[in-house]
């Protein structure tokens, strides 16, 4: 049973930084993809960034160099370092994961680079419960 547990959210001021963590357990896949998504009530969930087990990363356009996704394999933990936070970054942030088989990674890359939100539900089978980030102006 794959489990993803997010942590690190909180309330910060605009311009501050936060690092979100997603501890994964219950799987031993050698090739996988993990990602961060966010959701605001009343809006579609949108992809933020994704990580492939070969070290490749991809970001949504709105990130514009402010966020960094990374993974500590020893701790089996995915991170999202967020800098220069804006009020519009306020959301519930979710971690997602799945096997990196077939065209999953190419789909994730293509979808994250589009303008339209990528909710990831058709691609990622495992999701955490989320961690709230609130950015005040």
N, C-alpha and C. Protein backbone atom coordinates (compact mmCIF):
# COMPACT_ATOMS: atom_id res chain seq x y z
N UNK A 1 0.84 -1.18 0.00
CA UNK A 1 0.00 0.00 0.00
C UNK A 1 0.89 1.24 0.00
N UNK A 2 0.80 2.01 -1.08
CA UNK A 2 1.60 3.23 -1.17
C UNK A 2 0.96 4.32 -0.31
N UNK A 3 1.77 4.96 0.49
CA UNK A 3 1.29 6.07 1.30
C UNK A 3 2.18 7.28 1.09
N UNK A 4 1.53 8.43 0.98
CA UNK A 4 2.22 9.70 0.81
C UNK A 4 1.75 10.64 1.91
N UNK A 5 2.69 11.18 2.66
CA UNK A 5 2.33 12.07 3.77
C UNK A 5 3.05 13.39 3.60
N UNK A 6 2.27 14.45 3.38
CA UNK A 6 2.85 15.78 3.20
C UNK A 6 3.00 16.50 4.54
N UNK A 7 3.96 17.40 4.58
CA UNK A 7 4.15 18.25 5.75
C UNK A 7 4.89 19.51 5.32
N UNK A 8 4.96 20.48 6.22
CA UNK A 8 5.74 21.68 5.95
C UNK A 8 4.94 22.91 5.59
N UNK A 9 3.63 22.74 5.43
CA UNK A 9 2.81 23.90 5.12
C UNK A 9 2.73 24.85 6.31
N UNK A 10 2.17 26.01 6.07
CA UNK A 10 2.02 26.99 7.14
C UNK A 10 1.59 28.33 6.61
N UNK A 11 1.57 29.31 7.51
CA UNK A 11 1.20 30.68 7.15
C UNK A 11 2.44 31.56 7.12
N UNK A 12 2.67 32.22 6.00
CA UNK A 12 3.85 33.05 5.84
C UNK A 12 3.46 34.37 5.19
N UNK A 13 4.43 35.28 5.14
CA UNK A 13 4.22 36.56 4.48
C UNK A 13 4.70 36.49 3.03
N UNK A 14 4.16 37.35 2.19
CA UNK A 14 4.61 37.44 0.81
C UNK A 14 6.11 37.68 0.78
N UNK A 15 6.80 36.96 -0.10
CA UNK A 15 8.23 37.07 -0.20
C UNK A 15 8.99 36.04 0.61
N UNK A 16 8.31 35.39 1.53
CA UNK A 16 8.95 34.36 2.37
C UNK A 16 9.14 33.05 1.59
N UNK A 17 9.80 32.12 2.27
CA UNK A 17 10.04 30.80 1.68
C UNK A 17 9.45 29.71 2.56
N UNK A 18 9.12 28.59 1.93
CA UNK A 18 8.65 27.40 2.63
C UNK A 18 9.17 26.18 1.89
N UNK A 19 9.41 25.11 2.64
CA UNK A 19 9.77 23.85 2.01
C UNK A 19 8.75 22.80 2.42
N UNK A 20 8.07 22.24 1.44
CA UNK A 20 7.12 21.16 1.68
C UNK A 20 7.83 19.82 1.53
N UNK A 21 7.39 18.87 2.33
CA UNK A 21 7.95 17.51 2.28
C UNK A 21 6.84 16.52 2.01
N UNK A 22 7.19 15.45 1.32
CA UNK A 22 6.25 14.35 1.06
C UNK A 22 7.00 13.05 1.30
N UNK A 23 6.69 12.41 2.43
CA UNK A 23 7.35 11.15 2.76
C UNK A 23 6.55 10.00 2.14
N UNK A 24 7.23 9.19 1.37
CA UNK A 24 6.60 8.07 0.67
C UNK A 24 6.96 6.75 1.32
N UNK A 25 6.00 5.84 1.35
CA UNK A 25 6.26 4.51 1.89
C UNK A 25 5.39 3.50 1.15
N UNK A 26 5.80 2.24 1.25
CA UNK A 26 4.96 1.17 0.71
C UNK A 26 5.20 0.82 -0.74
N UNK A 27 6.26 1.36 -1.35
CA UNK A 27 6.54 0.95 -2.72
C UNK A 27 8.04 0.87 -2.93
N UNK A 28 8.42 0.02 -3.88
CA UNK A 28 9.84 -0.15 -4.19
C UNK A 28 10.07 -0.04 -5.68
N UNK A 29 9.35 0.87 -6.32
CA UNK A 29 9.49 1.02 -7.77
C UNK A 29 10.84 1.62 -8.11
N UNK A 30 11.47 1.10 -9.12
CA UNK A 30 12.75 1.65 -9.53
C UNK A 30 12.56 2.81 -10.48
N UNK A 31 11.45 2.82 -11.18
CA UNK A 31 11.16 3.89 -12.12
C UNK A 31 9.80 4.48 -11.76
N UNK A 32 9.78 5.72 -11.33
CA UNK A 32 8.55 6.33 -10.85
C UNK A 32 8.55 7.81 -11.17
N UNK A 33 7.39 8.38 -10.97
CA UNK A 33 7.21 9.81 -11.16
C UNK A 33 6.45 10.34 -9.95
N UNK A 34 6.87 11.46 -9.45
CA UNK A 34 6.18 12.11 -8.33
C UNK A 34 5.94 13.56 -8.67
N UNK A 35 4.92 14.12 -8.08
CA UNK A 35 4.61 15.51 -8.40
C UNK A 35 3.95 16.25 -7.26
N UNK A 36 3.94 17.57 -7.39
CA UNK A 36 3.24 18.44 -6.46
C UNK A 36 2.10 19.14 -7.22
N UNK A 37 0.95 19.13 -6.58
CA UNK A 37 -0.22 19.80 -7.12
C UNK A 37 -0.78 20.72 -6.05
N UNK A 38 -1.61 21.68 -6.46
CA UNK A 38 -2.24 22.55 -5.48
C UNK A 38 -3.69 22.82 -5.87
N UNK A 39 -4.46 23.10 -4.84
CA UNK A 39 -5.89 23.31 -5.09
C UNK A 39 -6.43 24.37 -4.16
N UNK A 40 -7.23 25.25 -4.74
CA UNK A 40 -7.94 26.28 -3.99
C UNK A 40 -9.42 25.97 -4.11
N UNK A 41 -10.19 26.07 -3.03
CA UNK A 41 -11.63 25.80 -3.11
C UNK A 41 -12.28 26.57 -4.24
N UNK A 42 -13.05 25.85 -5.07
CA UNK A 42 -13.74 26.49 -6.18
C UNK A 42 -12.96 26.55 -7.46
N UNK A 43 -11.71 26.12 -7.41
CA UNK A 43 -10.87 26.13 -8.61
C UNK A 43 -10.37 24.72 -8.90
N UNK A 44 -9.97 24.50 -10.14
CA UNK A 44 -9.43 23.21 -10.54
C UNK A 44 -8.06 22.99 -9.91
N UNK A 45 -7.81 21.75 -9.51
CA UNK A 45 -6.48 21.41 -9.03
C UNK A 45 -5.48 21.63 -10.16
N UNK A 46 -4.29 22.14 -9.83
CA UNK A 46 -3.29 22.39 -10.87
C UNK A 46 -1.93 21.84 -10.49
N UNK A 47 -1.25 21.34 -11.49
CA UNK A 47 0.09 20.82 -11.26
C UNK A 47 1.09 21.92 -11.04
N UNK A 48 2.05 21.69 -10.18
CA UNK A 48 3.08 22.67 -9.85
C UNK A 48 4.44 22.23 -10.40
N UNK A 49 4.81 21.00 -10.09
CA UNK A 49 6.11 20.49 -10.52
C UNK A 49 6.09 18.98 -10.44
N UNK A 50 6.99 18.34 -11.20
CA UNK A 50 7.08 16.89 -11.17
C UNK A 50 8.53 16.44 -11.23
N UNK A 51 8.74 15.22 -10.72
CA UNK A 51 10.08 14.66 -10.61
C UNK A 51 10.06 13.23 -11.11
N UNK A 52 11.05 12.88 -11.96
CA UNK A 52 11.18 11.51 -12.44
C UNK A 52 12.34 10.85 -11.70
N UNK A 53 12.24 9.57 -11.50
CA UNK A 53 13.27 8.84 -10.77
C UNK A 53 14.65 8.93 -11.41
N UNK A 54 14.73 9.34 -12.69
CA UNK A 54 16.05 9.51 -13.32
C UNK A 54 16.62 10.89 -13.04
N UNK A 55 15.90 11.69 -12.25
CA UNK A 55 16.37 13.02 -11.86
C UNK A 55 15.80 14.16 -12.67
N UNK A 56 15.05 13.84 -13.71
CA UNK A 56 14.43 14.89 -14.52
C UNK A 56 13.37 15.62 -13.72
N UNK A 57 13.23 16.91 -14.02
CA UNK A 57 12.20 17.71 -13.37
C UNK A 57 11.48 18.57 -14.40
N UNK A 58 10.28 18.98 -14.05
CA UNK A 58 9.51 19.87 -14.92
C UNK A 58 8.63 20.73 -14.05
N UNK A 59 8.39 21.96 -14.49
CA UNK A 59 7.62 22.91 -13.68
C UNK A 59 6.51 23.55 -14.50
N UNK A 60 5.46 23.92 -13.82
CA UNK A 60 4.41 24.70 -14.45
C UNK A 60 4.94 26.10 -14.76
N UNK A 61 4.37 26.73 -15.77
CA UNK A 61 4.87 28.03 -16.19
C UNK A 61 4.80 29.08 -15.09
N UNK A 62 3.78 29.00 -14.26
CA UNK A 62 3.60 30.05 -13.25
C UNK A 62 4.68 30.00 -12.16
N UNK A 63 5.43 28.91 -12.10
CA UNK A 63 6.49 28.80 -11.09
C UNK A 63 7.59 29.83 -11.35
N UNK A 64 7.96 29.99 -12.62
CA UNK A 64 8.92 31.02 -13.05
C UNK A 64 10.19 31.05 -12.20
N UNK A 65 10.76 29.88 -11.93
CA UNK A 65 12.03 29.81 -11.24
C UNK A 65 11.96 29.97 -9.74
N UNK A 66 10.78 30.13 -9.17
CA UNK A 66 10.66 30.35 -7.73
C UNK A 66 10.68 29.07 -6.92
N UNK A 67 10.27 27.94 -7.52
CA UNK A 67 10.16 26.68 -6.80
C UNK A 67 11.20 25.69 -7.31
N UNK A 68 11.60 24.77 -6.42
CA UNK A 68 12.52 23.70 -6.80
C UNK A 68 12.00 22.39 -6.24
N UNK A 69 11.84 21.39 -7.11
CA UNK A 69 11.42 20.06 -6.67
C UNK A 69 12.65 19.18 -6.59
N UNK A 70 12.72 18.37 -5.55
CA UNK A 70 13.87 17.48 -5.38
C UNK A 70 13.46 16.28 -4.56
N UNK A 71 14.33 15.29 -4.51
CA UNK A 71 14.02 14.07 -3.75
C UNK A 71 15.26 13.56 -3.04
N UNK A 72 15.08 13.19 -1.81
CA UNK A 72 16.12 12.54 -1.02
C UNK A 72 15.80 11.05 -1.01
N UNK A 73 16.54 10.28 -1.79
CA UNK A 73 16.23 8.86 -1.91
C UNK A 73 16.47 8.10 -0.61
N UNK A 74 17.44 8.54 0.17
CA UNK A 74 17.73 7.86 1.43
C UNK A 74 16.55 7.99 2.39
N UNK A 75 15.88 9.13 2.34
CA UNK A 75 14.72 9.36 3.21
C UNK A 75 13.41 9.07 2.49
N UNK A 76 13.48 8.73 1.22
CA UNK A 76 12.29 8.48 0.40
C UNK A 76 11.30 9.64 0.52
N UNK A 77 11.83 10.83 0.43
CA UNK A 77 11.04 12.03 0.64
C UNK A 77 11.21 12.99 -0.53
N UNK A 78 10.09 13.47 -1.02
CA UNK A 78 10.04 14.48 -2.08
C UNK A 78 9.88 15.84 -1.44
N UNK A 79 10.57 16.84 -1.98
CA UNK A 79 10.51 18.19 -1.44
C UNK A 79 10.03 19.18 -2.50
N UNK A 80 9.47 20.28 -2.03
CA UNK A 80 9.18 21.41 -2.88
C UNK A 80 9.65 22.66 -2.13
N UNK A 81 10.78 23.20 -2.56
CA UNK A 81 11.30 24.43 -2.00
C UNK A 81 10.62 25.59 -2.71
N UNK A 82 9.92 26.43 -1.95
CA UNK A 82 9.18 27.54 -2.54
C UNK A 82 9.75 28.86 -2.03
N UNK A 83 10.23 29.66 -2.94
CA UNK A 83 10.78 30.97 -2.60
C UNK A 83 9.90 32.08 -3.18
N UNK A 84 10.11 33.28 -2.68
CA UNK A 84 9.37 34.46 -3.19
C UNK A 84 7.88 34.18 -3.29
N UNK A 85 7.32 33.66 -2.22
CA UNK A 85 5.91 33.28 -2.23
C UNK A 85 5.00 34.48 -2.40
N UNK A 86 3.90 34.26 -3.10
CA UNK A 86 2.91 35.30 -3.37
C UNK A 86 1.57 34.87 -2.77
N UNK A 87 0.70 35.82 -2.50
CA UNK A 87 -0.62 35.44 -1.98
C UNK A 87 -1.35 34.44 -2.89
N UNK A 88 -1.14 34.55 -4.19
CA UNK A 88 -1.80 33.62 -5.11
C UNK A 88 -1.23 32.21 -5.04
N UNK A 89 -0.16 32.00 -4.31
CA UNK A 89 0.36 30.66 -4.07
C UNK A 89 -0.38 29.95 -2.93
N UNK A 90 -1.25 30.67 -2.25
CA UNK A 90 -2.01 30.07 -1.16
C UNK A 90 -2.91 28.96 -1.70
N UNK A 91 -2.81 27.78 -1.11
CA UNK A 91 -3.57 26.63 -1.59
C UNK A 91 -3.27 25.44 -0.69
N UNK A 92 -4.04 24.39 -0.89
CA UNK A 92 -3.69 23.09 -0.32
C UNK A 92 -2.77 22.41 -1.31
N UNK A 93 -1.61 22.00 -0.85
CA UNK A 93 -0.63 21.36 -1.71
C UNK A 93 -0.64 19.85 -1.50
N UNK A 94 -0.72 19.13 -2.62
CA UNK A 94 -0.79 17.68 -2.58
C UNK A 94 0.42 17.06 -3.27
N UNK A 95 0.83 15.93 -2.75
CA UNK A 95 1.88 15.13 -3.36
C UNK A 95 1.22 13.97 -4.09
N UNK A 96 1.78 13.58 -5.25
CA UNK A 96 1.23 12.47 -6.01
C UNK A 96 2.38 11.61 -6.53
N UNK A 97 2.07 10.36 -6.81
CA UNK A 97 3.10 9.44 -7.30
C UNK A 97 2.49 8.33 -8.14
N UNK A 98 3.32 7.75 -9.01
CA UNK A 98 2.92 6.56 -9.74
C UNK A 98 4.12 5.98 -10.48
N UNK A 99 3.94 4.77 -11.01
CA UNK A 99 4.98 4.15 -11.82
C UNK A 99 5.22 5.01 -13.05
N UNK A 100 6.48 5.10 -13.45
CA UNK A 100 6.81 5.89 -14.63
C UNK A 100 6.81 5.03 -15.87
N UNK A 101 5.75 4.27 -16.09
CA UNK A 101 5.67 3.40 -17.25
C UNK A 101 5.05 4.09 -18.45
N UNK A 102 5.27 3.49 -19.63
CA UNK A 102 4.64 4.01 -20.83
C UNK A 102 4.95 5.46 -21.09
N UNK A 103 3.92 6.24 -21.34
CA UNK A 103 4.08 7.64 -21.70
C UNK A 103 3.74 8.56 -20.53
N UNK A 104 3.78 8.03 -19.31
CA UNK A 104 3.39 8.84 -18.18
C UNK A 104 4.23 10.10 -18.07
N UNK A 105 5.57 9.96 -18.11
CA UNK A 105 6.41 11.13 -17.93
C UNK A 105 6.24 12.13 -19.07
N UNK A 106 6.19 11.67 -20.29
CA UNK A 106 6.02 12.60 -21.41
C UNK A 106 4.68 13.32 -21.31
N UNK A 107 3.67 12.63 -20.81
CA UNK A 107 2.37 13.25 -20.60
C UNK A 107 2.46 14.33 -19.52
N UNK A 108 3.11 14.01 -18.42
CA UNK A 108 3.27 14.97 -17.33
C UNK A 108 4.01 16.21 -17.81
N UNK A 109 5.08 16.03 -18.55
CA UNK A 109 5.85 17.17 -19.06
C UNK A 109 5.00 18.04 -19.97
N UNK A 110 4.31 17.38 -20.89
CA UNK A 110 3.48 18.13 -21.84
C UNK A 110 2.37 18.90 -21.12
N UNK A 111 1.72 18.24 -20.19
CA UNK A 111 0.59 18.86 -19.50
C UNK A 111 1.04 20.00 -18.59
N UNK A 112 2.15 19.85 -17.89
CA UNK A 112 2.61 20.91 -17.00
C UNK A 112 3.05 22.15 -17.79
N UNK A 113 3.48 21.97 -19.00
CA UNK A 113 3.96 23.11 -19.80
C UNK A 113 2.84 23.83 -20.53
N UNK A 114 1.63 23.29 -20.43
CA UNK A 114 0.51 23.96 -21.06
C UNK A 114 0.02 25.10 -20.18
N UNK A 115 -0.79 25.98 -20.75
CA UNK A 115 -1.37 27.07 -19.98
C UNK A 115 -2.51 26.56 -19.10
N UNK A 116 -3.24 25.60 -19.60
CA UNK A 116 -4.40 25.10 -18.86
C UNK A 116 -3.95 24.29 -17.65
N UNK A 117 -4.71 24.34 -16.55
CA UNK A 117 -4.35 23.56 -15.37
C UNK A 117 -4.31 22.06 -15.66
N UNK A 118 -3.38 21.39 -15.04
CA UNK A 118 -3.20 19.94 -15.17
C UNK A 118 -3.51 19.34 -13.81
N UNK A 119 -4.65 18.66 -13.70
CA UNK A 119 -5.04 18.17 -12.38
C UNK A 119 -4.43 16.84 -12.00
N UNK A 120 -3.82 16.13 -12.94
CA UNK A 120 -3.07 14.93 -12.63
C UNK A 120 -3.87 13.70 -12.28
N UNK A 121 -5.17 13.81 -12.18
CA UNK A 121 -5.97 12.68 -11.69
C UNK A 121 -5.94 11.48 -12.64
N UNK A 122 -5.81 11.71 -13.92
CA UNK A 122 -5.80 10.61 -14.89
C UNK A 122 -4.43 9.96 -15.01
N UNK A 123 -3.44 10.56 -14.35
CA UNK A 123 -2.06 10.09 -14.51
C UNK A 123 -1.51 9.48 -13.22
N UNK A 124 -1.74 10.14 -12.11
CA UNK A 124 -1.20 9.70 -10.83
C UNK A 124 -2.25 8.91 -10.04
N UNK A 125 -1.85 7.73 -9.59
CA UNK A 125 -2.79 6.89 -8.87
C UNK A 125 -2.71 7.01 -7.36
N UNK A 126 -1.64 7.64 -6.87
CA UNK A 126 -1.45 7.73 -5.42
C UNK A 126 -1.35 9.21 -5.03
N UNK A 127 -2.09 9.56 -3.98
CA UNK A 127 -2.14 10.95 -3.54
C UNK A 127 -2.05 11.03 -2.02
N UNK A 128 -1.43 12.11 -1.55
CA UNK A 128 -1.43 12.37 -0.12
C UNK A 128 -2.66 13.16 0.28
N UNK A 129 -2.72 13.52 1.57
CA UNK A 129 -3.87 14.24 2.09
C UNK A 129 -3.73 15.75 1.98
N UNK A 130 -2.54 16.22 1.71
CA UNK A 130 -2.34 17.65 1.49
C UNK A 130 -1.81 18.38 2.70
N UNK A 131 -1.19 19.52 2.43
CA UNK A 131 -0.71 20.42 3.48
C UNK A 131 -1.04 21.85 3.03
N UNK A 132 -1.57 22.63 3.95
CA UNK A 132 -2.06 23.97 3.61
C UNK A 132 -0.95 25.00 3.63
N UNK A 133 -0.92 25.82 2.59
CA UNK A 133 0.00 26.95 2.52
C UNK A 133 -0.83 28.23 2.40
N UNK A 134 -0.58 29.17 3.29
CA UNK A 134 -1.28 30.45 3.25
C UNK A 134 -0.25 31.57 3.22
N UNK A 135 -0.35 32.42 2.21
CA UNK A 135 0.59 33.52 2.04
C UNK A 135 -0.16 34.83 2.17
N UNK A 136 0.23 35.64 3.14
CA UNK A 136 -0.43 36.92 3.37
C UNK A 136 0.36 38.06 2.72
N UNK A 137 -0.38 39.04 2.26
CA UNK A 137 0.29 40.19 1.60
C UNK A 137 0.75 41.21 2.62
